[in-house]
Amino acid sequence: MHPQLQLLVALQDMDEMIRETETQGEEFEGLGFTHGGLDDLKKAREDLASKIDPSLSSWYRRLTGKFGHAVVPVVGNLCTGCFANIPSQFVSKTNVNKVQKCESCGRLLYWP
């Protein structure tokens, strides 16, 4: 997998953890539980985001705002974001170390 894609997948996972912590944190506090580490998680997210190419970071933000998930796996030659068929040329050896985008939805693709 392309190193920038690895960073984007990790960034997407961190964004999801932050969203869940912020949303469920209020519920847990209402039950008497405290949650910590949100500030540390946000700082780690900023550090990770600074390592990502600015053009990919911009694309990621736009896709996240539009779809929720910007980076999706390809399973069975289908984009798991929009379920469009991914052409076999995307899987060729010449494209192995490139960041690929779905022709249908524009999401960033990776092969697990």
PDB file of N, CA and C in Angstrom:
ATOM      1  N   MET A   1       0.853  -1.180   0.000  1.00  0.00           N
ATOM      2  CA  MET A   1       0.000   0.000   0.000  1.00  0.00           C
ATOM      3  C   MET A   1       0.898   1.241   0.000  1.00  0.00           C
ATOM      4  N   HIS A   2       0.473   2.237  -0.704  1.00  0.00           N
ATOM      5  CA  HIS A   2       1.190   3.504  -0.777  1.00  0.00           C
ATOM      6  C   HIS A   2       1.293   4.098   0.630  1.00  0.00           C
ATOM      7  N   PRO A   3       2.467   4.612   1.016  1.00  0.00           N
ATOM      8  CA  PRO A   3       2.643   5.154   2.379  1.00  0.00           C
ATOM      9  C   PRO A   3       1.646   6.265   2.727  1.00  0.00           C
ATOM     10  N   GLN A   4       1.311   7.109   1.773  1.00  0.00           N
ATOM     11  CA  GLN A   4       0.344   8.174   2.033  1.00  0.00           C
ATOM     12  C   GLN A   4      -1.046   7.597   2.296  1.00  0.00           C
ATOM     13  N   LEU A   5      -1.379   6.506   1.600  1.00  0.00           N
ATOM     14  CA  LEU A   5      -2.671   5.857   1.860  1.00  0.00           C
ATOM     15  C   LEU A   5      -2.722   5.268   3.253  1.00  0.00           C
ATOM     16  N   GLN A   6      -1.617   4.710   3.698  1.00  0.00           N
ATOM     17  CA  GLN A   6      -1.567   4.174   5.060  1.00  0.00           C
ATOM     18  C   GLN A   6      -1.831   5.279   6.077  1.00  0.00           C
ATOM     19  N   LEU A   7      -1.234   6.437   5.841  1.00  0.00           N
ATOM     20  CA  LEU A   7      -1.464   7.563   6.736  1.00  0.00           C
ATOM     21  C   LEU A   7      -2.918   8.029   6.678  1.00  0.00           C
ATOM     22  N   LEU A   8      -3.504   8.034   5.480  1.00  0.00           N
ATOM     23  CA  LEU A   8      -4.901   8.460   5.345  1.00  0.00           C
ATOM     24  C   LEU A   8      -5.866   7.493   6.029  1.00  0.00           C
ATOM     25  N   VAL A   9      -5.585   6.204   5.934  1.00  0.00           N
ATOM     26  CA  VAL A   9      -6.431   5.217   6.617  1.00  0.00           C
ATOM     27  C   VAL A   9      -6.336   5.426   8.130  1.00  0.00           C
ATOM     28  N   ALA A  10      -5.116   5.650   8.634  1.00  0.00           N
ATOM     29  CA  ALA A  10      -4.939   5.904  10.064  1.00  0.00           C
ATOM     30  C   ALA A  10      -5.638   7.195  10.471  1.00  0.00           C
ATOM     31  N   LEU A  11      -5.555   8.226   9.632  1.00  0.00           N
ATOM     32  CA  LEU A  11      -6.221   9.496   9.919  1.00  0.00           C
ATOM     33  C   LEU A  11      -7.737   9.311   9.979  1.00  0.00           C
ATOM     34  N   GLN A  12      -8.274   8.553   9.043  1.00  0.00           N
ATOM     35  CA  GLN A  12      -9.714   8.291   9.024  1.00  0.00           C
ATOM     36  C   GLN A  12     -10.141   7.551  10.295  1.00  0.00           C
ATOM     37  N   ASP A  13      -9.327   6.588  10.732  1.00  0.00           N
ATOM     38  CA  ASP A  13      -9.632   5.858  11.966  1.00  0.00           C
ATOM     39  C   ASP A  13      -9.600   6.798  13.175  1.00  0.00           C
ATOM     40  N   MET A  14      -8.625   7.694  13.201  1.00  0.00           N
ATOM     41  CA  MET A  14      -8.534   8.654  14.315  1.00  0.00           C
ATOM     42  C   MET A  14      -9.725   9.607  14.310  1.00  0.00           C
ATOM     43  N   ASP A  15     -10.119  10.066  13.138  1.00  0.00           N
ATOM     44  CA  ASP A  15     -11.287  10.946  13.039  1.00  0.00           C
ATOM     45  C   ASP A  15     -12.536  10.250  13.575  1.00  0.00           C
ATOM     46  N   GLU A  16     -12.669   8.974  13.266  1.00  0.00           N
ATOM     47  CA  GLU A  16     -13.818   8.201  13.754  1.00  0.00           C
ATOM     48  C   GLU A  16     -13.769   8.060  15.277  1.00  0.00           C
ATOM     49  N   MET A  17     -12.588   7.815  15.831  1.00  0.00           N
ATOM     50  CA  MET A  17     -12.454   7.714  17.289  1.00  0.00           C
ATOM     51  C   MET A  17     -12.794   9.035  17.964  1.00  0.00           C
ATOM     52  N   ILE A  18     -12.348  10.133  17.372  1.00  0.00           N
ATOM     53  CA  ILE A  18     -12.646  11.449  17.942  1.00  0.00           C
ATOM     54  C   ILE A  18     -14.146  11.715  17.905  1.00  0.00           C
ATOM     55  N   ARG A  19     -14.789  11.414  16.771  1.00  0.00           N
ATOM     56  CA  ARG A  19     -16.248  11.608  16.659  1.00  0.00           C
ATOM     57  C   ARG A  19     -16.996  10.789  17.695  1.00  0.00           C
ATOM     58  N   GLU A  20     -16.617   9.522  17.825  1.00  0.00           N
ATOM     59  CA  GLU A  20     -17.288   8.649  18.796  1.00  0.00           C
ATOM     60  C   GLU A  20     -17.072   9.133  20.222  1.00  0.00           C
ATOM     61  N   THR A  21     -15.859   9.549  20.529  1.00  0.00           N
ATOM     62  CA  THR A  21     -15.558  10.020  21.880  1.00  0.00           C
ATOM     63  C   THR A  21     -16.352  11.276  22.196  1.00  0.00           C
ATOM     64  N   GLU A  22     -16.429  12.198  21.241  1.00  0.00           N
ATOM     65  CA  GLU A  22     -17.179  13.429  21.478  1.00  0.00           C
ATOM     66  C   GLU A  22     -18.676  13.144  21.610  1.00  0.00           C
ATOM     67  N   THR A  23     -19.206  12.267  20.782  1.00  0.00           N
ATOM     68  CA  THR A  23     -20.634  11.963  20.810  1.00  0.00           C
ATOM     69  C   THR A  23     -21.010  11.145  22.038  1.00  0.00           C
ATOM     70  N   GLN A  24     -20.291  10.064  22.259  1.00  0.00           N
ATOM     71  CA  GLN A  24     -20.635   9.175  23.357  1.00  0.00           C
ATOM     72  C   GLN A  24     -20.116   9.687  24.691  1.00  0.00           C
ATOM     73  N   GLY A  25     -19.149  10.576  24.667  1.00  0.00           N
ATOM     74  CA  GLY A  25     -18.604  11.124  25.905  1.00  0.00           C
ATOM     75  C   GLY A  25     -19.661  11.821  26.731  1.00  0.00           C
ATOM     76  N   GLU A  26     -20.552  12.550  26.053  1.00  0.00           N
ATOM     77  CA  GLU A  26     -21.632  13.241  26.763  1.00  0.00           C
ATOM     78  C   GLU A  26     -22.571  12.235  27.416  1.00  0.00           C
ATOM     79  N   GLU A  27     -22.844  11.137  26.704  1.00  0.00           N
ATOM     80  CA  GLU A  27     -23.713  10.098  27.267  1.00  0.00           C
ATOM     81  C   GLU A  27     -23.065   9.455  28.494  1.00  0.00           C
ATOM     82  N   PHE A  28     -21.760   9.156  28.387  1.00  0.00           N
ATOM     83  CA  PHE A  28     -21.053   8.520  29.491  1.00  0.00           C
ATOM     84  C   PHE A  28     -20.954   9.443  30.699  1.00  0.00           C
ATOM     85  N   GLU A  29     -20.728  10.733  30.450  1.00  0.00           N
ATOM     86  CA  GLU A  29     -20.653  11.678  31.561  1.00  0.00           C
ATOM     87  C   GLU A  29     -21.998  11.783  32.260  1.00  0.00           C
ATOM     88  N   GLY A  30     -23.081  11.669  31.507  1.00  0.00           N
ATOM     89  CA  GLY A  30     -24.415  11.682  32.096  1.00  0.00           C
ATOM     90  C   GLY A  30     -24.651  10.482  32.995  1.00  0.00           C
ATOM     91  N   LEU A  31     -23.925   9.390  32.740  1.00  0.00           N
ATOM     92  CA  LEU A  31     -24.041   8.188  33.558  1.00  0.00           C
ATOM     93  C   LEU A  31     -23.034   8.173  34.710  1.00  0.00           C
ATOM     94  N   GLY A  32     -22.203   9.234  34.776  1.00  0.00           N
ATOM     95  CA  GLY A  32     -21.246   9.327  35.865  1.00  0.00           C
ATOM     96  C   GLY A  32     -19.844   8.867  35.508  1.00  0.00           C
ATOM     97  N   PHE A  33     -19.612   8.485  34.266  1.00  0.00           N
ATOM     98  CA  PHE A  33     -18.279   8.070  33.832  1.00  0.00           C
ATOM     99  C   PHE A  33     -17.535   9.267  33.257  1.00  0.00           C
ATOM    100  N   THR A  34     -16.243   9.232  33.387  1.00  0.00           N
ATOM    101  CA  THR A  34     -15.425  10.276  32.770  1.00  0.00           C
ATOM    102  C   THR A  34     -14.588   9.629  31.671  1.00  0.00           C
ATOM    103  N   HIS A  35     -14.288  10.401  30.685  1.00  0.00           N
ATOM    104  CA  HIS A  35     -13.412   9.917  29.626  1.00  0.00           C
ATOM    105  C   HIS A  35     -12.290  10.932  29.454  1.00  0.00           C
ATOM    106  N   GLY A  36     -11.118  10.432  29.282  1.00  0.00           N
ATOM    107  CA  GLY A  36      -9.972  11.308  29.115  1.00  0.00           C
ATOM    108  C   GLY A  36      -9.244  10.957  27.830  1.00  0.00           C
ATOM    109  N   GLY A  37      -8.291  11.772  27.516  1.00  0.00           N
ATOM    110  CA  GLY A  37      -7.468  11.470  26.363  1.00  0.00           C
ATOM    111  C   GLY A  37      -7.922  12.088  25.061  1.00  0.00           C
ATOM    112  N   LEU A  38      -9.040  12.796  25.065  1.00  0.00           N
ATOM    113  CA  LEU A  38      -9.525  13.388  23.824  1.00  0.00           C
ATOM    114  C   LEU A  38      -8.538  14.422  23.299  1.00  0.00           C
ATOM    115  N   ASP A  39      -7.980  15.215  24.185  1.00  0.00           N
ATOM    116  CA  ASP A  39      -6.996  16.218  23.758  1.00  0.00           C
ATOM    117  C   ASP A  39      -5.745  15.554  23.184  1.00  0.00           C
ATOM    118  N   ASP A  40      -5.310  14.457  23.809  1.00  0.00           N
ATOM    119  CA  ASP A  40      -4.152  13.718  23.304  1.00  0.00           C
ATOM    120  C   ASP A  40      -4.444  13.127  21.928  1.00  0.00           C
ATOM    121  N   LEU A  41      -5.654  12.628  21.763  1.00  0.00           N
ATOM    122  CA  LEU A  41      -6.058  12.053  20.487  1.00  0.00           C
ATOM    123  C   LEU A  41      -6.091  13.123  19.390  1.00  0.00           C
ATOM    124  N   LYS A  42      -6.583  14.295  19.727  1.00  0.00           N
ATOM    125  CA  LYS A  42      -6.628  15.389  18.745  1.00  0.00           C
ATOM    126  C   LYS A  42      -5.214  15.850  18.383  1.00  0.00           C
ATOM    127  N   LYS A  43      -4.322  15.873  19.357  1.00  0.00           N
ATOM    128  CA  LYS A  43      -2.941  16.258  19.070  1.00  0.00           C
ATOM    129  C   LYS A  43      -2.273  15.219  18.171  1.00  0.00           C
ATOM    130  N   ALA A  44      -2.500  13.946  18.459  1.00  0.00           N
ATOM    131  CA  ALA A  44      -1.942  12.877  17.630  1.00  0.00           C
ATOM    132  C   ALA A  44      -2.494  12.956  16.211  1.00  0.00           C
ATOM    133  N   ARG A  45      -3.761  13.348  16.085  1.00  0.00           N
ATOM    134  CA  ARG A  45      -4.373  13.502  14.766  1.00  0.00           C
ATOM    135  C   ARG A  45      -3.691  14.627  13.993  1.00  0.00           C
ATOM    136  N   GLU A  46      -3.424  15.739  14.677  1.00  0.00           N
ATOM    137  CA  GLU A  46      -2.742  16.866  14.027  1.00  0.00           C
ATOM    138  C   GLU A  46      -1.345  16.477  13.571  1.00  0.00           C
ATOM    139  N   ASP A  47      -0.626  15.734  14.415  1.00  0.00           N
ATOM    140  CA  ASP A  47       0.719  15.276  14.049  1.00  0.00           C
ATOM    141  C   ASP A  47       0.664  14.374  12.822  1.00  0.00           C
ATOM    142  N   LEU A  48      -0.306  13.471  12.797  1.00  0.00           N
ATOM    143  CA  LEU A  48      -0.463  12.562  11.668  1.00  0.00           C
ATOM    144  C   LEU A  48      -0.853  13.330  10.400  1.00  0.00           C
ATOM    145  N   ALA A  49      -1.768  14.267  10.526  1.00  0.00           N
ATOM    146  CA  ALA A  49      -2.232  15.038   9.375  1.00  0.00           C
ATOM    147  C   ALA A  49      -1.099  15.857   8.763  1.00  0.00           C
ATOM    148  N   SER A  50      -0.145  16.288   9.578  1.00  0.00           N
ATOM    149  CA  SER A  50       0.969  17.088   9.060  1.00  0.00           C
ATOM    150  C   SER A  50       1.902  16.267   8.174  1.00  0.00           C
ATOM    151  N   LYS A  51       1.843  14.952   8.261  1.00  0.00           N
ATOM    152  CA  LYS A  51       2.694  14.078   7.451  1.00  0.00           C
ATOM    153  C   LYS A  51       2.083  13.755   6.090  1.00  0.00           C
ATOM    154  N   ILE A  52       0.839  14.151   5.879  1.00  0.00           N
ATOM    155  CA  ILE A  52       0.134  13.818   4.644  1.00  0.00           C
ATOM    156  C   ILE A  52       0.314  14.928   3.622  1.00  0.00           C
ATOM    157  N   ASP A  53       0.505  14.529   2.377  1.00  0.00           N
ATOM    158  CA  ASP A  53       0.654  15.472   1.272  1.00  0.00           C
ATOM    159  C   ASP A  53      -0.539  16.433   1.261  1.00  0.00           C
ATOM    160  N   PRO A  54      -0.306  17.741   1.143  1.00  0.00           N
ATOM    161  CA  PRO A  54      -1.405  18.726   1.201  1.00  0.00           C
ATOM    162  C   PRO A  54      -2.517  18.496   0.177  1.00  0.00           C
ATOM    163  N   SER A  55      -2.169  18.053  -1.026  1.00  0.00           N
ATOM    164  CA  SER A  55      -3.218  17.827  -2.028  1.00  0.00           C
ATOM    165  C   SER A  55      -4.100  16.644  -1.632  1.00  0.00           C
ATOM    166  N   LEU A  56      -3.493  15.593  -1.085  1.00  0.00           N
ATOM    167  CA  LEU A  56      -4.283  14.450  -0.622  1.00  0.00           C
ATOM    168  C   LEU A  56      -5.100  14.814   0.609  1.00  0.00           C
ATOM    169  N   SER A  57      -4.530  15.641   1.467  1.00  0.00           N
ATOM    170  CA  SER A  57      -5.239  16.083   2.658  1.00  0.00           C
ATOM    171  C   SER A  57      -6.480  16.892   2.281  1.00  0.00           C
ATOM    172  N   SER A  58      -6.333  17.752   1.301  1.00  0.00           N
ATOM    173  CA  SER A  58      -7.462  18.545   0.821  1.00  0.00           C
ATOM    174  C   SER A  58      -8.537  17.647   0.220  1.00  0.00           C
ATOM    175  N   TRP A  59      -8.119  16.676  -0.577  1.00  0.00           N
ATOM    176  CA  TRP A  59      -9.062  15.721  -1.192  1.00  0.00           C
ATOM    177  C   TRP A  59      -9.775  14.930  -0.095  1.00  0.00           C
ATOM    178  N   TYR A  60      -9.021  14.512   0.909  1.00  0.00           N
ATOM    179  CA  TYR A  60      -9.582  13.755   2.033  1.00  0.00           C
ATOM    180  C   TYR A  60     -10.664  14.571   2.748  1.00  0.00           C
ATOM    181  N   ARG A  61     -10.375  15.840   3.030  1.00  0.00           N
ATOM    182  CA  ARG A  61     -11.354  16.685   3.731  1.00  0.00           C
ATOM    183  C   ARG A  61     -12.639  16.853   2.916  1.00  0.00           C
ATOM    184  N   ARG A  62     -12.489  17.069   1.604  1.00  0.00           N
ATOM    185  CA  ARG A  62     -13.686  17.223   0.771  1.00  0.00           C
ATOM    186  C   ARG A  62     -14.524  15.952   0.746  1.00  0.00           C
ATOM    187  N   LEU A  63     -13.854  14.811   0.591  1.00  0.00           N
ATOM    188  CA  LEU A  63     -14.584  13.540   0.539  1.00  0.00           C
ATOM    189  C   LEU A  63     -15.222  13.202   1.878  1.00  0.00           C
ATOM    190  N   THR A  64     -14.518  13.491   2.963  1.00  0.00           N
ATOM    191  CA  THR A  64     -15.068  13.225   4.288  1.00  0.00           C
ATOM    192  C   THR A  64     -16.322  14.060   4.518  1.00  0.00           C
ATOM    193  N   GLY A  65     -16.287  15.312   4.097  1.00  0.00           N
ATOM    194  CA  GLY A  65     -17.460  16.168   4.234  1.00  0.00           C
ATOM    195  C   GLY A  65     -18.636  15.688   3.390  1.00  0.00           C
ATOM    196  N   LYS A  66     -18.337  15.110   2.256  1.00  0.00           N
ATOM    197  CA  LYS A  66     -19.394  14.658   1.340  1.00  0.00           C
ATOM    198  C   LYS A  66     -19.927  13.272   1.690  1.00  0.00           C
ATOM    199  N   PHE A  67     -19.014  12.329   1.980  1.00  0.00           N
ATOM    200  CA  PHE A  67     -19.418  10.934   2.162  1.00  0.00           C
ATOM    201  C   PHE A  67     -19.283  10.402   3.586  1.00  0.00           C
ATOM    202  N   GLY A  68     -18.484  11.038   4.406  1.00  0.00           N
ATOM    203  CA  GLY A  68     -18.209  10.493   5.730  1.00  0.00           C
ATOM    204  C   GLY A  68     -16.915   9.697   5.741  1.00  0.00           C
ATOM    205  N   HIS A  69     -16.756   8.793   4.792  1.00  0.00           N
ATOM    206  CA  HIS A  69     -15.521   8.008   4.664  1.00  0.00           C
ATOM    207  C   HIS A  69     -14.882   8.338   3.321  1.00  0.00           C
ATOM    208  N   ALA A  70     -13.620   8.724   3.368  1.00  0.00           N
ATOM    209  CA  ALA A  70     -12.915   9.133   2.161  1.00  0.00           C
ATOM    210  C   ALA A  70     -12.036   8.033   1.592  1.00  0.00           C
ATOM    211  N   VAL A  71     -11.582   7.127   2.446  1.00  0.00           N
ATOM    212  CA  VAL A  71     -10.677   6.060   2.035  1.00  0.00           C
ATOM    213  C   VAL A  71     -11.386   4.736   2.273  1.00  0.00           C
ATOM    214  N   VAL A  72     -11.571   3.966   1.198  1.00  0.00           N
ATOM    215  CA  VAL A  72     -12.323   2.717   1.315  1.00  0.00           C
ATOM    216  C   VAL A  72     -11.556   1.568   0.672  1.00  0.00           C
ATOM    217  N   PRO A  73     -11.745   0.359   1.189  1.00  0.00           N
ATOM    218  CA  PRO A  73     -11.084  -0.794   0.578  1.00  0.00           C
ATOM    219  C   PRO A  73     -11.817  -1.265  -0.675  1.00  0.00           C
ATOM    220  N   VAL A  74     -11.066  -1.939  -1.520  1.00  0.00           N
ATOM    221  CA  VAL A  74     -11.638  -2.593  -2.692  1.00  0.00           C
ATOM    222  C   VAL A  74     -11.776  -4.065  -2.332  1.00  0.00           C
ATOM    223  N   VAL A  75     -12.981  -4.581  -2.438  1.00  0.00           N
ATOM    224  CA  VAL A  75     -13.235  -5.983  -2.132  1.00  0.00           C
ATOM    225  C   VAL A  75     -13.944  -6.602  -3.333  1.00  0.00           C
ATOM    226  N   GLY A  76     -13.368  -7.653  -3.868  1.00  0.00           N
ATOM    227  CA  GLY A  76     -13.971  -8.315  -5.022  1.00  0.00           C
ATOM    228  C   GLY A  76     -14.081  -7.392  -6.227  1.00  0.00           C
ATOM    229  N   ASN A  77     -13.078  -6.556  -6.440  1.00  0.00           N
ATOM    230  CA  ASN A  77     -13.046  -5.559  -7.520  1.00  0.00           C
ATOM    231  C   ASN A  77     -14.188  -4.559  -7.456  1.00  0.00           C
ATOM    232  N   LEU A  78     -14.724  -4.335  -6.253  1.00  0.00           N
ATOM    233  CA  LEU A  78     -15.767  -3.332  -6.055  1.00  0.00           C
ATOM    234  C   LEU A  78     -15.296  -2.285  -5.058  1.00  0.00           C
ATOM    235  N   CYS A  79     -15.568  -1.032  -5.356  1.00  0.00           N
ATOM    236  CA  CYS A  79     -15.345   0.050  -4.405  1.00  0.00           C
ATOM    237  C   CYS A  79     -16.381  -0.138  -3.299  1.00  0.00           C
ATOM    238  N   THR A  80     -15.948  -0.253  -2.055  1.00  0.00           N
ATOM    239  CA  THR A  80     -16.910  -0.466  -0.977  1.00  0.00           C
ATOM    240  C   THR A  80     -17.610   0.822  -0.560  1.00  0.00           C
ATOM    241  N   GLY A  81     -17.263   1.924  -1.200  1.00  0.00           N
ATOM    242  CA  GLY A  81     -17.959   3.182  -0.945  1.00  0.00           C
ATOM    243  C   GLY A  81     -19.216   3.302  -1.785  1.00  0.00           C
ATOM    244  N   CYS A  82     -19.091   2.985  -3.090  1.00  0.00           N
ATOM    245  CA  CYS A  82     -20.243   3.150  -3.999  1.00  0.00           C
ATOM    246  C   CYS A  82     -20.614   1.851  -4.708  1.00  0.00           C
ATOM    247  N   PHE A  83     -19.834   0.796  -4.503  1.00  0.00           N
ATOM    248  CA  PHE A  83     -20.047  -0.527  -5.085  1.00  0.00           C
ATOM    249  C   PHE A  83     -19.940  -0.547  -6.603  1.00  0.00           C
ATOM    250  N   ALA A  84     -19.185   0.398  -7.145  1.00  0.00           N
ATOM    251  CA  ALA A  84     -18.899   0.392  -8.578  1.00  0.00           C
ATOM    252  C   ALA A  84     -17.763  -0.596  -8.847  1.00  0.00           C
ATOM    253  N   ASN A  85     -17.791  -1.203 -10.005  1.00  0.00           N
ATOM    254  CA  ASN A  85     -16.752  -2.133 -10.412  1.00  0.00           C
ATOM    255  C   ASN A  85     -15.465  -1.362 -10.704  1.00  0.00           C
ATOM    256  N   ILE A  86     -14.351  -1.846 -10.173  1.00  0.00           N
ATOM    257  CA  ILE A  86     -13.057  -1.211 -10.392  1.00  0.00           C
ATOM    258  C   ILE A  86     -12.399  -1.898 -11.583  1.00  0.00           C
ATOM    259  N   PRO A  87     -12.040  -1.140 -12.622  1.00  0.00           N
ATOM    260  CA  PRO A  87     -11.405  -1.747 -13.807  1.00  0.00           C
ATOM    261  C   PRO A  87     -10.114  -2.472 -13.443  1.00  0.00           C
ATOM    262  N   SER A  88      -9.830  -3.537 -14.167  1.00  0.00           N
ATOM    263  CA  SER A  88      -8.647  -4.346 -13.876  1.00  0.00           C
ATOM    264  C   SER A  88      -7.354  -3.565 -14.073  1.00  0.00           C
ATOM    265  N   GLN A  89      -7.362  -2.497 -14.872  1.00  0.00           N
ATOM    266  CA  GLN A  89      -6.147  -1.700 -15.074  1.00  0.00           C
ATOM    267  C   GLN A  89      -5.698  -1.036 -13.774  1.00  0.00           C
ATOM    268  N   PHE A  90      -6.615  -0.821 -12.823  1.00  0.00           N
ATOM    269  CA  PHE A  90      -6.256  -0.226 -11.541  1.00  0.00           C
ATOM    270  C   PHE A  90      -5.398  -1.172 -10.717  1.00  0.00           C
ATOM    271  N   VAL A  91      -5.537  -2.453 -10.977  1.00  0.00           N
ATOM    272  CA  VAL A  91      -4.839  -3.453 -10.180  1.00  0.00           C
ATOM    273  C   VAL A  91      -3.498  -3.830 -10.819  1.00  0.00           C
ATOM    274  N   SER A  92      -3.199  -3.300 -11.979  1.00  0.00           N
ATOM    275  CA  SER A  92      -1.985  -3.681 -12.691  1.00  0.00           C
ATOM    276  C   SER A  92      -0.740  -3.306 -11.899  1.00  0.00           C
ATOM    277  N   LYS A  93       0.377  -3.953 -12.218  1.00  0.00           N
ATOM    278  CA  LYS A  93       1.633  -3.731 -11.496  1.00  0.00           C
ATOM    279  C   LYS A  93       2.137  -2.307 -11.652  1.00  0.00           C
ATOM    280  N   THR A  94       1.763  -1.630 -12.716  1.00  0.00           N
ATOM    281  CA  THR A  94       2.226  -0.252 -12.909  1.00  0.00           C
ATOM    282  C   THR A  94       1.543   0.708 -11.947  1.00  0.00           C
ATOM    283  N   ASN A  95       0.414   0.312 -11.371  1.00  0.00           N
ATOM    284  CA  ASN A  95      -0.334   1.175 -10.465  1.00  0.00           C
ATOM    285  C   ASN A  95      -0.184   0.787  -8.999  1.00  0.00           C
ATOM    286  N   VAL A  96       0.675  -0.167  -8.708  1.00  0.00           N
ATOM    287  CA  VAL A  96       0.792  -0.690  -7.345  1.00  0.00           C
ATOM    288  C   VAL A  96       1.140   0.405  -6.341  1.00  0.00           C
ATOM    289  N   ASN A  97       2.056   1.281  -6.665  1.00  0.00           N
ATOM    290  CA  ASN A  97       2.515   2.268  -5.696  1.00  0.00           C
ATOM    291  C   ASN A  97       1.932   3.656  -5.970  1.00  0.00           C
ATOM    292  N   LYS A  98       0.723   3.702  -6.490  1.00  0.00           N
ATOM    293  CA  LYS A  98       0.055   4.970  -6.769  1.00  0.00           C
ATOM    294  C   LYS A  98      -1.212   5.082  -5.933  1.00  0.00           C
ATOM    295  N   VAL A  99      -1.603   6.299  -5.653  1.00  0.00           N
ATOM    296  CA  VAL A  99      -2.866   6.540  -4.972  1.00  0.00           C
ATOM    297  C   VAL A  99      -3.957   6.481  -6.036  1.00  0.00           C
ATOM    298  N   GLN A 100      -4.907   5.592  -5.854  1.00  0.00           N
ATOM    299  CA  GLN A 100      -5.975   5.387  -6.830  1.00  0.00           C
ATOM    300  C   GLN A 100      -7.280   5.981  -6.318  1.00  0.00           C
ATOM    301  N   LYS A 101      -8.053   6.552  -7.223  1.00  0.00           N
ATOM    302  CA  LYS A 101      -9.360   7.101  -6.882  1.00  0.00           C
ATOM    303  C   LYS A 101     -10.421   6.358  -7.672  1.00  0.00           C
ATOM    304  N   CYS A 102     -11.557   6.121  -7.044  1.00  0.00           N
ATOM    305  CA  CYS A 102     -12.673   5.470  -7.720  1.00  0.00           C
ATOM    306  C   CYS A 102     -13.175   6.390  -8.828  1.00  0.00           C
ATOM    307  N   GLU A 103     -13.352   5.838 -10.016  1.00  0.00           N
ATOM    308  CA  GLU A 103     -13.833   6.633 -11.141  1.00  0.00           C
ATOM    309  C   GLU A 103     -15.279   7.061 -10.950  1.00  0.00           C
ATOM    310  N   SER A 104     -16.001   6.334 -10.122  1.00  0.00           N
ATOM    311  CA  SER A 104     -17.423   6.642  -9.929  1.00  0.00           C
ATOM    312  C   SER A 104     -17.667   7.668  -8.834  1.00  0.00           C
ATOM    313  N   CYS A 105     -17.108   7.438  -7.635  1.00  0.00           N
ATOM    314  CA  CYS A 105     -17.406   8.321  -6.506  1.00  0.00           C
ATOM    315  C   CYS A 105     -16.245   9.239  -6.114  1.00  0.00           C
ATOM    316  N   GLY A 106     -15.028   8.923  -6.564  1.00  0.00           N
ATOM    317  CA  GLY A 106     -13.874   9.751  -6.257  1.00  0.00           C
ATOM    318  C   GLY A 106     -13.165   9.396  -4.963  1.00  0.00           C
ATOM    319  N   ARG A 107     -13.691   8.413  -4.216  1.00  0.00           N
ATOM    320  CA  ARG A 107     -13.034   8.037  -2.966  1.00  0.00           C
ATOM    321  C   ARG A 107     -11.652   7.441  -3.256  1.00  0.00           C
ATOM    322  N   LEU A 108     -10.780   7.557  -2.273  1.00  0.00           N
ATOM    323  CA  LEU A 108      -9.438   6.975  -2.372  1.00  0.00           C
ATOM    324  C   LEU A 108      -9.539   5.490  -2.076  1.00  0.00           C
ATOM    325  N   LEU A 109      -8.885   4.691  -2.894  1.00  0.00           N
ATOM    326  CA  LEU A 109      -9.017   3.231  -2.812  1.00  0.00           C
ATOM    327  C   LEU A 109      -7.754   2.584  -2.276  1.00  0.00           C
ATOM    328  N   TYR A 110      -7.933   1.489  -1.563  1.00  0.00           N
ATOM    329  CA  TYR A 110      -6.798   0.629  -1.193  1.00  0.00           C
ATOM    330  C   TYR A 110      -7.240  -0.815  -1.235  1.00  0.00           C
ATOM    331  N   TRP A 111      -6.275  -1.689  -1.450  1.00  0.00           N
ATOM    332  CA  TRP A 111      -6.526  -3.117  -1.518  1.00  0.00           C
ATOM    333  C   TRP A 111      -6.025  -3.751  -0.241  1.00  0.00           C
ATOM    334  N   PRO A 112      -6.934  -4.302   0.583  1.00  0.00           N
ATOM    335  CA  PRO A 112      -6.496  -4.920   1.850  1.00  0.00           C
ATOM    336  C   PRO A 112      -5.761  -6.228   1.642  1.00  0.00           C
TER     337      PRO A 112
END
